[in-house]
Amino acid sequence: MLYKRNPQLNKHGELVHLLSVEGLPRSILTHILETAGNFVSVSDREVKKVPLLRGKSVFNLFFENSTRTRTTFEIAAKRLSADVINLDIARSSASKGESLLDTIANLSAMAADMFVVRHGESGAPYLIAQHVAPHVHVINAGDGRHAHPTQGLLDMFTIQHYKKDFSNLSVAIVGDILHSRVARSDIHALTILGCPDVRVVGPKTLVPSDLTHMGVRVFHNLEEGIAGCDVIIMLRLQNERMSGALLPSKNEYFRSYGLTSEKLRVARTDAIVMHPGPINRGVEIDSAVVDGRQSVILPQVTFGIAVRMAVMGIVAGNDADPRGIVQ
């Protein structure tokens, strides 16, 4: 059965952890996107609260820094009326030598209901999910080079918002594919949702050689890679994860792979430009594009709150239609 092969699902095939987009059925992805759509309007209300997680404790465990992701998870949990605890990793027992599982066991003893985990080691959220009680849920907020499922889902929500349907889209993911967990999550999500043309674009040193088995087309020239595209997802240059001299210089990278208004002209005139942030202006993307009419980078951030609300509500078992609550 599906749940026996996928640790994210219970015996009924329902989502109890979100560890990766890979391997999830399309029905779960569409359910998350539909539920997120119902939560978007909460941000416009005077009282930005719904009671789905009232009385629940959500622990944000960020072993890697990420102000944007941690903040949007915190906002999402608070809008669901949860109690949110941000663990200060730099001063925690984990920094004093306590093992990851011992840290989780102690926090579980404090009546944790959900862990949002960002970790530099691939697979850390999976390990945690294997050792928590059945009522505790784990959401992967980024692990090593492996996955960033909520970023992938908010990217899908953004694409769906502007393009409505995935079945006729050409999507290019541009930049440091090698080190990007966002790229992997986006590729899996696009494939599951039926996007027929997924491309990756970047220098040979930053594009894995085995990507064709994922059903994507590989380009090493930016203009060729984004020609005729409906969606362009620019990736941040992952300086902190690079080892060795993979690039001659940032200036050279920008000349070859930085998205400018001139280069953008080869894409469709109604193409949207996305970026998971934080943005390195003048490195992977020009300011004129970031602030231009085709950029949807700031709406991505807004949609990210609704998508994370949806994921939290669903994994916690509150996956009934929330429209009666949020209207």
C-alpha atoms as a PDB file:
ATOM      1  CA  MET A   1       0.000   0.000   0.000  1.00  0.00           C
ATOM      2  CA  LEU A   2       1.041   3.593  -0.661  1.00  0.00           C
ATOM      3  CA  TYR A   3       1.475   4.577   2.994  1.00  0.00           C
ATOM      4  CA  LYS A   4       3.913   1.717   3.592  1.00  0.00           C
ATOM      5  CA  ARG A   5       6.205   3.133   0.913  1.00  0.00           C
ATOM      6  CA  ASN A   6       5.786   6.781   1.879  1.00  0.00           C
ATOM      7  CA  PRO A   7       6.460   7.803   5.505  1.00  0.00           C
ATOM      8  CA  GLN A   8       4.482  11.011   4.966  1.00  0.00           C
ATOM      9  CA  LEU A   9       1.170   9.194   4.690  1.00  0.00           C
ATOM     10  CA  ASN A  10      -0.937   7.283   7.208  1.00  0.00           C
ATOM     11  CA  LYS A  11      -2.667   3.978   6.447  1.00  0.00           C
ATOM     12  CA  HIS A  12      -5.577   5.867   4.889  1.00  0.00           C
ATOM     13  CA  GLY A  13      -3.250   7.652   2.464  1.00  0.00           C
ATOM     14  CA  GLU A  14      -3.637  10.963   4.302  1.00  0.00           C
ATOM     15  CA  LEU A  15      -0.789  13.412   4.804  1.00  0.00           C
ATOM     16  CA  VAL A  16       0.570  13.359   8.378  1.00  0.00           C
ATOM     17  CA  HIS A  17       4.058  14.795   7.703  1.00  0.00           C
ATOM     18  CA  LEU A  18       5.328  16.930   4.834  1.00  0.00           C
ATOM     19  CA  LEU A  19       8.889  15.819   4.174  1.00  0.00           C
ATOM     20  CA  SER A  20       9.133  16.033   0.386  1.00  0.00           C
ATOM     21  CA  VAL A  21       6.949  16.655  -2.639  1.00  0.00           C
ATOM     22  CA  GLU A  22       8.520  13.625  -4.300  1.00  0.00           C
ATOM     23  CA  GLY A  23       6.266  10.588  -4.244  1.00  0.00           C
ATOM     24  CA  LEU A  24       3.081  12.390  -3.246  1.00  0.00           C
ATOM     25  CA  PRO A  25      -0.046  11.742  -5.309  1.00  0.00           C
ATOM     26  CA  ARG A  26      -1.421  14.607  -7.369  1.00  0.00           C
ATOM     27  CA  SER A  27      -4.608  14.577  -5.276  1.00  0.00           C
ATOM     28  CA  ILE A  28      -2.684  15.670  -2.168  1.00  0.00           C
ATOM     29  CA  LEU A  29      -0.913  18.484  -4.002  1.00  0.00           C
ATOM     30  CA  THR A  30      -4.163  19.789  -5.457  1.00  0.00           C
ATOM     31  CA  HIS A  31      -5.836  19.514  -2.049  1.00  0.00           C
ATOM     32  CA  ILE A  32      -3.076  21.650  -0.497  1.00  0.00           C
ATOM     33  CA  LEU A  33      -3.355  24.239  -3.291  1.00  0.00           C
ATOM     34  CA  GLU A  34      -7.159  24.370  -3.016  1.00  0.00           C
ATOM     35  CA  THR A  35      -6.996  24.717   0.764  1.00  0.00           C
ATOM     36  CA  ALA A  36      -4.376  27.469   0.475  1.00  0.00           C
ATOM     37  CA  GLY A  37      -6.703  29.338  -1.848  1.00  0.00           C
ATOM     38  CA  ASN A  38      -9.274  29.458   0.938  1.00  0.00           C
ATOM     39  CA  PHE A  39      -6.701  30.914   3.320  1.00  0.00           C
ATOM     40  CA  VAL A  40      -5.462  33.754   1.094  1.00  0.00           C
ATOM     41  CA  SER A  41      -8.333  36.003   2.156  1.00  0.00           C
ATOM     42  CA  VAL A  42      -7.405  35.676   5.845  1.00  0.00           C
ATOM     43  CA  SER A  43      -4.539  38.115   5.267  1.00  0.00           C
ATOM     44  CA  ASP A  44      -7.032  40.794   4.234  1.00  0.00           C
ATOM     45  CA  ARG A  45      -9.179  40.480   7.348  1.00  0.00           C
ATOM     46  CA  GLU A  46      -9.009  42.874  10.287  1.00  0.00           C
ATOM     47  CA  VAL A  47      -8.581  39.888  12.622  1.00  0.00           C
ATOM     48  CA  LYS A  48      -6.197  37.529  10.847  1.00  0.00           C
ATOM     49  CA  LYS A  49      -7.079  34.401  12.828  1.00  0.00           C
ATOM     50  CA  VAL A  50      -8.825  31.079  12.283  1.00  0.00           C
ATOM     51  CA  PRO A  51      -9.119  28.451  15.042  1.00  0.00           C
ATOM     52  CA  LEU A  52      -7.851  25.331  13.255  1.00  0.00           C
ATOM     53  CA  LEU A  53      -4.800  24.841  15.506  1.00  0.00           C
ATOM     54  CA  ARG A  54      -6.116  26.422  18.698  1.00  0.00           C
ATOM     55  CA  GLY A  55      -4.473  24.735  21.678  1.00  0.00           C
ATOM     56  CA  LYS A  56      -1.695  23.177  19.558  1.00  0.00           C
ATOM     57  CA  SER A  57       2.015  23.849  20.091  1.00  0.00           C
ATOM     58  CA  VAL A  58       4.208  24.368  17.019  1.00  0.00           C
ATOM     59  CA  PHE A  59       7.984  24.289  17.516  1.00  0.00           C
ATOM     60  CA  ASN A  60      10.135  26.008  14.878  1.00  0.00           C
ATOM     61  CA  LEU A  61      13.493  24.192  14.840  1.00  0.00           C
ATOM     62  CA  PHE A  62      15.788  26.058  12.468  1.00  0.00           C
ATOM     63  CA  PHE A  63      19.254  24.563  12.575  1.00  0.00           C
ATOM     64  CA  GLU A  64      20.016  26.748   9.544  1.00  0.00           C
ATOM     65  CA  ASN A  65      19.263  30.462   9.369  1.00  0.00           C
ATOM     66  CA  SER A  66      16.320  31.580   7.259  1.00  0.00           C
ATOM     67  CA  THR A  67      14.484  34.677   8.374  1.00  0.00           C
ATOM     68  CA  ARG A  68      11.939  34.588   5.541  1.00  0.00           C
ATOM     69  CA  THR A  69      10.926  30.925   5.860  1.00  0.00           C
ATOM     70  CA  ARG A  70      10.868  30.914   9.662  1.00  0.00           C
ATOM     71  CA  THR A  71       8.840  34.127   9.783  1.00  0.00           C
ATOM     72  CA  THR A  72       6.232  32.913   7.303  1.00  0.00           C
ATOM     73  CA  PHE A  73       5.859  29.635   9.204  1.00  0.00           C
ATOM     74  CA  GLU A  74       5.470  31.586  12.445  1.00  0.00           C
ATOM     75  CA  ILE A  75       2.851  33.890  10.932  1.00  0.00           C
ATOM     76  CA  ALA A  76       1.020  30.915   9.418  1.00  0.00           C
ATOM     77  CA  ALA A  77       0.902  29.042  12.727  1.00  0.00           C
ATOM     78  CA  LYS A  78      -0.269  32.112  14.647  1.00  0.00           C
ATOM     79  CA  ARG A  79      -3.006  32.782  12.098  1.00  0.00           C
ATOM     80  CA  LEU A  80      -4.174  29.234  12.750  1.00  0.00           C
ATOM     81  CA  SER A  81      -4.283  30.166  16.479  1.00  0.00           C
ATOM     82  CA  ALA A  82      -1.419  27.843  17.475  1.00  0.00           C
ATOM     83  CA  ASP A  83       1.100  28.530  20.220  1.00  0.00           C
ATOM     84  CA  VAL A  84       4.476  29.022  18.502  1.00  0.00           C
ATOM     85  CA  ILE A  85       7.858  28.341  20.084  1.00  0.00           C
ATOM     86  CA  ASN A  86      10.971  29.442  18.205  1.00  0.00           C
ATOM     87  CA  LEU A  87      13.938  27.455  19.496  1.00  0.00           C
ATOM     88  CA  ASP A  88      17.159  29.455  19.677  1.00  0.00           C
ATOM     89  CA  ILE A  89      19.486  26.832  18.221  1.00  0.00           C
ATOM     90  CA  ALA A  90      22.620  28.888  18.889  1.00  0.00           C
ATOM     91  CA  ARG A  91      21.893  28.720  22.625  1.00  0.00           C
ATOM     92  CA  SER A  92      20.078  25.397  22.744  1.00  0.00           C
ATOM     93  CA  SER A  93      21.260  22.098  24.137  1.00  0.00           C
ATOM     94  CA  ALA A  94      21.862  20.936  20.563  1.00  0.00           C
ATOM     95  CA  SER A  95      24.734  23.423  20.338  1.00  0.00           C
ATOM     96  CA  LYS A  96      26.167  21.907  23.532  1.00  0.00           C
ATOM     97  CA  GLY A  97      26.441  18.422  22.111  1.00  0.00           C
ATOM     98  CA  GLU A  98      22.985  16.942  22.650  1.00  0.00           C
ATOM     99  CA  SER A  99      21.918  14.651  19.820  1.00  0.00           C
ATOM    100  CA  LEU A 100      19.134  15.650  17.463  1.00  0.00           C
ATOM    101  CA  LEU A 101      16.846  12.860  18.667  1.00  0.00           C
ATOM    102  CA  ASP A 102      17.463  13.702  22.328  1.00  0.00           C
ATOM    103  CA  THR A 103      16.531  17.299  21.563  1.00  0.00           C
ATOM    104  CA  ILE A 104      13.331  16.127  19.884  1.00  0.00           C
ATOM    105  CA  ALA A 105      12.508  13.774  22.780  1.00  0.00           C
ATOM    106  CA  ASN A 106      12.847  16.587  25.311  1.00  0.00           C
ATOM    107  CA  LEU A 107      10.737  18.970  23.269  1.00  0.00           C
ATOM    108  CA  SER A 108       8.120  16.249  22.765  1.00  0.00           C
ATOM    109  CA  ALA A 109       7.969  15.930  26.540  1.00  0.00           C
ATOM    110  CA  MET A 110       6.907  19.604  26.551  1.00  0.00           C
ATOM    111  CA  ALA A 111       3.723  18.590  24.688  1.00  0.00           C
ATOM    112  CA  ALA A 112       4.827  19.569  21.188  1.00  0.00           C
ATOM    113  CA  ASP A 113       2.239  18.862  18.500  1.00  0.00           C
ATOM    114  CA  MET A 114       4.223  19.876  15.433  1.00  0.00           C
ATOM    115  CA  PHE A 115       7.865  20.409  14.483  1.00  0.00           C
ATOM    116  CA  VAL A 116       8.853  22.681  11.604  1.00  0.00           C
ATOM    117  CA  VAL A 117      12.438  21.640  10.863  1.00  0.00           C
ATOM    118  CA  ARG A 118      15.161  23.277   8.800  1.00  0.00           C
ATOM    119  CA  HIS A 119      18.460  21.403   8.867  1.00  0.00           C
ATOM    120  CA  GLY A 120      21.720  21.410   6.944  1.00  0.00           C
ATOM    121  CA  GLU A 121      21.788  17.618   6.689  1.00  0.00           C
ATOM    122  CA  SER A 122      19.643  15.930   4.061  1.00  0.00           C
ATOM    123  CA  GLY A 123      17.179  13.535   5.663  1.00  0.00           C
ATOM    124  CA  ALA A 124      17.081  15.093   9.136  1.00  0.00           C
ATOM    125  CA  PRO A 125      13.284  15.691   9.037  1.00  0.00           C
ATOM    126  CA  TYR A 126      12.768  12.063   7.963  1.00  0.00           C
ATOM    127  CA  LEU A 127      14.765  10.887  10.976  1.00  0.00           C
ATOM    128  CA  ILE A 128      12.695  13.045  13.289  1.00  0.00           C
ATOM    129  CA  ALA A 129       9.418  11.829  11.755  1.00  0.00           C
ATOM    130  CA  GLN A 130      10.438   8.236  12.455  1.00  0.00           C
ATOM    131  CA  HIS A 131      10.893   8.956  16.163  1.00  0.00           C
ATOM    132  CA  VAL A 132       7.932  11.117  17.141  1.00  0.00           C
ATOM    133  CA  ALA A 133       4.630   9.964  18.632  1.00  0.00           C
ATOM    134  CA  PRO A 134       1.753   9.305  16.203  1.00  0.00           C
ATOM    135  CA  HIS A 135       0.007  12.567  17.136  1.00  0.00           C
ATOM    136  CA  VAL A 136       3.114  14.702  16.398  1.00  0.00           C
ATOM    137  CA  HIS A 137       3.631  16.046  12.893  1.00  0.00           C
ATOM    138  CA  VAL A 138       6.825  17.084  11.102  1.00  0.00           C
ATOM    139  CA  ILE A 139       7.128  19.645   8.308  1.00  0.00           C
ATOM    140  CA  ASN A 140      10.361  19.950   6.368  1.00  0.00           C
ATOM    141  CA  ALA A 141      11.372  23.607   6.001  1.00  0.00           C
ATOM    142  CA  GLY A 142      14.477  22.666   3.998  1.00  0.00           C
ATOM    143  CA  ASP A 143      17.016  19.869   4.486  1.00  0.00           C
ATOM    144  CA  GLY A 144      20.499  20.015   2.996  1.00  0.00           C
ATOM    145  CA  ARG A 145      20.396  19.833  -0.784  1.00  0.00           C
ATOM    146  CA  HIS A 146      17.417  17.485  -0.688  1.00  0.00           C
ATOM    147  CA  ALA A 147      14.033  19.206  -0.500  1.00  0.00           C
ATOM    148  CA  HIS A 148      12.099  22.344   0.386  1.00  0.00           C
ATOM    149  CA  PRO A 149       8.520  21.146  -0.090  1.00  0.00           C
ATOM    150  CA  THR A 150       6.598  24.186   1.141  1.00  0.00           C
ATOM    151  CA  GLN A 151       8.637  26.445  -1.143  1.00  0.00           C
ATOM    152  CA  GLY A 152       7.825  24.108  -4.012  1.00  0.00           C
ATOM    153  CA  LEU A 153       4.140  24.201  -3.113  1.00  0.00           C
ATOM    154  CA  LEU A 154       3.992  27.981  -2.803  1.00  0.00           C
ATOM    155  CA  ASP A 155       5.720  28.199  -6.185  1.00  0.00           C
ATOM    156  CA  MET A 156       3.018  25.937  -7.609  1.00  0.00           C
ATOM    157  CA  PHE A 157       0.302  28.048  -6.005  1.00  0.00           C
ATOM    158  CA  THR A 158       1.828  31.183  -7.552  1.00  0.00           C
ATOM    159  CA  ILE A 159       1.999  29.585 -10.995  1.00  0.00           C
ATOM    160  CA  GLN A 160      -1.582  28.343 -10.712  1.00  0.00           C
ATOM    161  CA  HIS A 161      -2.773  31.774  -9.585  1.00  0.00           C
ATOM    162  CA  TYR A 162      -1.357  33.500 -12.659  1.00  0.00           C
ATOM    163  CA  LYS A 163      -1.512  30.726 -15.277  1.00  0.00           C
ATOM    164  CA  LYS A 164      -4.528  28.703 -14.039  1.00  0.00           C
ATOM    165  CA  ASP A 165      -3.529  25.399 -15.646  1.00  0.00           C
ATOM    166  CA  PHE A 166      -0.262  23.435 -15.738  1.00  0.00           C
ATOM    167  CA  SER A 167      -1.087  21.292 -18.764  1.00  0.00           C
ATOM    168  CA  ASN A 168       0.274  23.637 -21.453  1.00  0.00           C
ATOM    169  CA  LEU A 169       3.067  25.448 -19.623  1.00  0.00           C
ATOM    170  CA  SER A 170       6.769  25.760 -20.321  1.00  0.00           C
ATOM    171  CA  VAL A 171       8.673  26.432 -17.093  1.00  0.00           C
ATOM    172  CA  ALA A 172      12.390  27.220 -16.821  1.00  0.00           C
ATOM    173  CA  ILE A 173      14.330  26.932 -13.544  1.00  0.00           C
ATOM    174  CA  VAL A 174      17.515  28.966 -13.827  1.00  0.00           C
ATOM    175  CA  GLY A 175      20.709  29.052 -11.802  1.00  0.00           C
ATOM    176  CA  ASP A 176      22.462  26.909  -9.228  1.00  0.00           C
ATOM    177  CA  ILE A 177      20.541  23.677  -9.746  1.00  0.00           C
ATOM    178  CA  LEU A 178      23.260  21.550  -8.156  1.00  0.00           C
ATOM    179  CA  HIS A 179      22.881  22.957  -4.637  1.00  0.00           C
ATOM    180  CA  SER A 180      19.190  23.896  -4.801  1.00  0.00           C
ATOM    181  CA  ARG A 181      16.610  21.968  -2.805  1.00  0.00           C
ATOM    182  CA  VAL A 182      14.037  24.407  -4.204  1.00  0.00           C
ATOM    183  CA  ALA A 183      14.829  23.271  -7.764  1.00  0.00           C
ATOM    184  CA  ARG A 184      14.312  19.625  -6.835  1.00  0.00           C
ATOM    185  CA  SER A 185      11.008  20.313  -5.110  1.00  0.00           C
ATOM    186  CA  ASP A 186       9.803  22.452  -8.023  1.00  0.00           C
ATOM    187  CA  ILE A 187      10.731  19.788 -10.583  1.00  0.00           C
ATOM    188  CA  HIS A 188       8.881  17.064  -8.678  1.00  0.00           C
ATOM    189  CA  ALA A 189       5.820  19.263  -8.130  1.00  0.00           C
ATOM    190  CA  LEU A 190       5.635  20.421 -11.747  1.00  0.00           C
ATOM    191  CA  THR A 191       5.927  16.838 -12.965  1.00  0.00           C
ATOM    192  CA  ILE A 192       3.221  15.577 -10.592  1.00  0.00           C
ATOM    193  CA  LEU A 193       0.881  18.406 -11.623  1.00  0.00           C
ATOM    194  CA  GLY A 194       1.283  17.581 -15.310  1.00  0.00           C
ATOM    195  CA  CYS A 195       3.519  20.352 -16.629  1.00  0.00           C
ATOM    196  CA  PRO A 196       4.698  19.064 -20.039  1.00  0.00           C
ATOM    197  CA  ASP A 197       7.843  21.187 -20.469  1.00  0.00           C
ATOM    198  CA  VAL A 198      10.196  21.625 -17.504  1.00  0.00           C
ATOM    199  CA  ARG A 199      13.631  23.059 -18.244  1.00  0.00           C
ATOM    200  CA  VAL A 200      16.704  23.696 -16.124  1.00  0.00           C
ATOM    201  CA  VAL A 201      19.252  26.312 -17.136  1.00  0.00           C
ATOM    202  CA  GLY A 202      22.709  26.948 -15.717  1.00  0.00           C
ATOM    203  CA  PRO A 203      26.439  26.512 -16.151  1.00  0.00           C
ATOM    204  CA  LYS A 204      27.684  22.955 -16.505  1.00  0.00           C
ATOM    205  CA  THR A 205      29.380  23.162 -13.103  1.00  0.00           C
ATOM    206  CA  LEU A 206      26.049  23.944 -11.401  1.00  0.00           C
ATOM    207  CA  VAL A 207      23.720  21.531 -13.225  1.00  0.00           C
ATOM    208  CA  PRO A 208      23.825  17.827 -12.253  1.00  0.00           C
ATOM    209  CA  SER A 209      24.510  15.512 -15.163  1.00  0.00           C
ATOM    210  CA  ASP A 210      21.718  13.068 -14.252  1.00  0.00           C
ATOM    211  CA  LEU A 211      18.702  15.390 -14.402  1.00  0.00           C
ATOM    212  CA  THR A 212      17.296  14.022 -17.633  1.00  0.00           C
ATOM    213  CA  HIS A 213      15.910  11.023 -15.738  1.00  0.00           C
ATOM    214  CA  MET A 214      13.615  13.480 -13.939  1.00  0.00           C
ATOM    215  CA  GLY A 215      12.017  14.371 -17.258  1.00  0.00           C
ATOM    216  CA  VAL A 216      13.546  17.826 -17.638  1.00  0.00           C
ATOM    217  CA  ARG A 217      15.392  19.444 -20.515  1.00  0.00           C
ATOM    218  CA  VAL A 218      18.847  20.853 -19.735  1.00  0.00           C
ATOM    219  CA  PHE A 219      20.200  24.087 -21.214  1.00  0.00           C
ATOM    220  CA  HIS A 220      23.505  25.845 -20.656  1.00  0.00           C
ATOM    221  CA  ASN A 221      22.540  29.022 -22.539  1.00  0.00           C
ATOM    222  CA  LEU A 222      20.073  31.346 -20.820  1.00  0.00           C
ATOM    223  CA  GLU A 223      18.345  32.742 -23.890  1.00  0.00           C
ATOM    224  CA  GLU A 224      17.875  29.269 -25.378  1.00  0.00           C
ATOM    225  CA  GLY A 225      16.596  27.928 -22.066  1.00  0.00           C
ATOM    226  CA  ILE A 226      13.936  30.579 -21.467  1.00  0.00           C
ATOM    227  CA  ALA A 227      12.830  31.065 -25.090  1.00  0.00           C
ATOM    228  CA  GLY A 228       9.048  30.866 -25.294  1.00  0.00           C
ATOM    229  CA  CYS A 229       8.642  30.118 -21.575  1.00  0.00           C
ATOM    230  CA  ASP A 230       5.525  30.962 -19.584  1.00  0.00           C
ATOM    231  CA  VAL A 231       7.260  30.869 -16.187  1.00  0.00           C
ATOM    232  CA  ILE A 232      10.866  31.598 -15.222  1.00  0.00           C
ATOM    233  CA  ILE A 233      12.016  30.627 -11.736  1.00  0.00           C
ATOM    234  CA  MET A 234      15.332  32.255 -10.878  1.00  0.00           C
ATOM    235  CA  LEU A 235      17.371  30.613  -8.114  1.00  0.00           C
ATOM    236  CA  ARG A 236      19.622  32.270  -5.584  1.00  0.00           C
ATOM    237  CA  LEU A 237      23.322  31.562  -6.025  1.00  0.00           C
ATOM    238  CA  GLN A 238      24.004  29.134  -3.171  1.00  0.00           C
ATOM    239  CA  ASN A 239      27.349  30.546  -2.033  1.00  0.00           C
ATOM    240  CA  GLU A 240      27.184  28.934   1.405  1.00  0.00           C
ATOM    241  CA  ARG A 241      26.788  25.459  -0.071  1.00  0.00           C
ATOM    242  CA  MET A 242      29.447  25.685  -2.747  1.00  0.00           C
ATOM    243  CA  SER A 243      32.782  23.923  -2.444  1.00  0.00           C
ATOM    244  CA  GLY A 244      35.668  24.745  -4.729  1.00  0.00           C
ATOM    245  CA  ALA A 245      35.827  27.146  -7.635  1.00  0.00           C
ATOM    246  CA  LEU A 246      32.587  26.358  -9.463  1.00  0.00           C
ATOM    247  CA  LEU A 247      32.279  29.842 -10.943  1.00  0.00           C
ATOM    248  CA  PRO A 248      34.903  32.257 -12.304  1.00  0.00           C
ATOM    249  CA  SER A 249      33.171  35.251 -10.650  1.00  0.00           C
ATOM    250  CA  LYS A 250      29.765  36.663  -9.777  1.00  0.00           C
ATOM    251  CA  ASN A 251      30.142  39.279 -12.511  1.00  0.00           C
ATOM    252  CA  GLU A 252      30.784  36.583 -15.086  1.00  0.00           C
ATOM    253  CA  TYR A 253      27.803  34.612 -13.801  1.00  0.00           C
ATOM    254  CA  PHE A 254      25.554  37.652 -14.185  1.00  0.00           C
ATOM    255  CA  ARG A 255      26.757  38.281 -17.726  1.00  0.00           C
ATOM    256  CA  SER A 256      25.902  34.717 -18.764  1.00  0.00           C
ATOM    257  CA  TYR A 257      22.963  33.745 -16.530  1.00  0.00           C
ATOM    258  CA  GLY A 258      21.654  36.911 -14.898  1.00  0.00           C
ATOM    259  CA  LEU A 259      18.125  37.721 -16.027  1.00  0.00           C
ATOM    260  CA  THR A 260      17.855  41.197 -17.553  1.00  0.00           C
ATOM    261  CA  SER A 261      14.962  42.932 -19.295  1.00  0.00           C
ATOM    262  CA  GLU A 262      16.675  42.394 -22.634  1.00  0.00           C
ATOM    263  CA  LYS A 263      17.125  38.655 -22.105  1.00  0.00           C
ATOM    264  CA  LEU A 264      13.571  38.325 -20.799  1.00  0.00           C
ATOM    265  CA  ARG A 265      12.216  39.408 -24.195  1.00  0.00           C
ATOM    266  CA  VAL A 266      12.779  35.917 -25.641  1.00  0.00           C
ATOM    267  CA  ALA A 267      10.220  34.491 -23.211  1.00  0.00           C
ATOM    268  CA  ARG A 268       6.492  34.892 -23.762  1.00  0.00           C
ATOM    269  CA  THR A 269       5.274  38.453 -23.367  1.00  0.00           C
ATOM    270  CA  ASP A 270       3.024  37.376 -20.477  1.00  0.00           C
ATOM    271  CA  ALA A 271       5.697  35.265 -18.775  1.00  0.00           C
ATOM    272  CA  ILE A 272       6.002  35.615 -15.014  1.00  0.00           C
ATOM    273  CA  VAL A 273       9.320  35.809 -13.168  1.00  0.00           C
ATOM    274  CA  MET A 274       9.708  34.132  -9.779  1.00  0.00           C
ATOM    275  CA  HIS A 275      12.467  33.889  -7.162  1.00  0.00           C
ATOM    276  CA  PRO A 276      12.438  32.049  -3.803  1.00  0.00           C
ATOM    277  CA  GLY A 277      14.547  34.766  -2.140  1.00  0.00           C
ATOM    278  CA  PRO A 278      16.581  36.248  -0.748  1.00  0.00           C
ATOM    279  CA  ILE A 279      17.426  38.039  -3.987  1.00  0.00           C
ATOM    280  CA  ASN A 280      20.968  38.896  -5.010  1.00  0.00           C
ATOM    281  CA  ARG A 281      20.317  41.854  -7.290  1.00  0.00           C
ATOM    282  CA  GLY A 282      22.894  42.109 -10.022  1.00  0.00           C
ATOM    283  CA  VAL A 283      23.997  38.499  -9.520  1.00  0.00           C
ATOM    284  CA  GLU A 284      21.157  36.219 -10.618  1.00  0.00           C
ATOM    285  CA  ILE A 285      18.641  38.884 -11.579  1.00  0.00           C
ATOM    286  CA  ASP A 286      18.660  42.562 -12.531  1.00  0.00           C
ATOM    287  CA  SER A 287      16.783  45.110 -10.412  1.00  0.00           C
ATOM    288  CA  ALA A 288      14.743  46.211 -13.417  1.00  0.00           C
ATOM    289  CA  VAL A 289      13.316  42.673 -13.649  1.00  0.00           C
ATOM    290  CA  VAL A 290      12.769  42.308  -9.887  1.00  0.00           C
ATOM    291  CA  ASP A 291      10.729  45.511  -9.853  1.00  0.00           C
ATOM    292  CA  GLY A 292       9.213  45.060 -13.308  1.00  0.00           C
ATOM    293  CA  ARG A 293       5.666  44.214 -14.427  1.00  0.00           C
ATOM    294  CA  GLN A 294       6.416  40.520 -14.954  1.00  0.00           C
ATOM    295  CA  SER A 295       7.810  39.940 -11.477  1.00  0.00           C
ATOM    296  CA  VAL A 296       5.587  38.063  -9.018  1.00  0.00           C
ATOM    297  CA  ILE A 297       8.275  37.725  -6.342  1.00  0.00           C
ATOM    298  CA  LEU A 298       6.422  39.634  -3.613  1.00  0.00           C
ATOM    299  CA  PRO A 299       3.108  37.799  -4.212  1.00  0.00           C
ATOM    300  CA  GLN A 300       5.079  34.563  -3.750  1.00  0.00           C
ATOM    301  CA  VAL A 301       5.863  35.665  -0.191  1.00  0.00           C
ATOM    302  CA  THR A 302       2.216  36.478   0.514  1.00  0.00           C
ATOM    303  CA  PHE A 303       1.023  33.180  -0.953  1.00  0.00           C
ATOM    304  CA  GLY A 304       3.653  31.359   1.116  1.00  0.00           C
ATOM    305  CA  ILE A 305       1.770  32.161   4.311  1.00  0.00           C
ATOM    306  CA  ALA A 306      -1.485  30.709   2.954  1.00  0.00           C
ATOM    307  CA  VAL A 307       0.259  27.579   1.645  1.00  0.00           C
ATOM    308  CA  ARG A 308       1.977  26.957   4.988  1.00  0.00           C
ATOM    309  CA  MET A 309      -1.338  27.467   6.784  1.00  0.00           C
ATOM    310  CA  ALA A 310      -2.864  24.847   4.497  1.00  0.00           C
ATOM    311  CA  VAL A 311      -0.053  22.341   5.090  1.00  0.00           C
ATOM    312  CA  MET A 312      -0.204  22.762   8.861  1.00  0.00           C
ATOM    313  CA  GLY A 313      -3.965  22.389   8.955  1.00  0.00           C
ATOM    314  CA  ILE A 314      -3.948  19.313   6.750  1.00  0.00           C
ATOM    315  CA  VAL A 315      -1.153  17.379   8.480  1.00  0.00           C
ATOM    316  CA  ALA A 316      -2.739  18.057  11.841  1.00  0.00           C
ATOM    317  CA  GLY A 317      -5.898  16.354  10.630  1.00  0.00           C
ATOM    318  CA  ASN A 318      -7.945  19.526  10.222  1.00  0.00           C
ATOM    319  CA  ASP A 319      -8.382  18.951   6.504  1.00  0.00           C
ATOM    320  CA  ALA A 320     -12.097  19.591   6.423  1.00  0.00           C
ATOM    321  CA  ASP A 321     -13.099  22.333   4.016  1.00  0.00           C
ATOM    322  CA  PRO A 322     -12.068  25.547   5.841  1.00  0.00           C
ATOM    323  CA  ARG A 323     -14.312  27.857   3.831  1.00  0.00           C
ATOM    324  CA  GLY A 324     -16.940  27.927   6.535  1.00  0.00           C
ATOM    325  CA  ILE A 325     -14.305  29.108   8.993  1.00  0.00           C
ATOM    326  CA  VAL A 326     -12.404  31.661   6.923  1.00  0.00           C
ATOM    327  CA  GLN A 327     -15.323  33.428   5.245  1.00  0.00           C
END
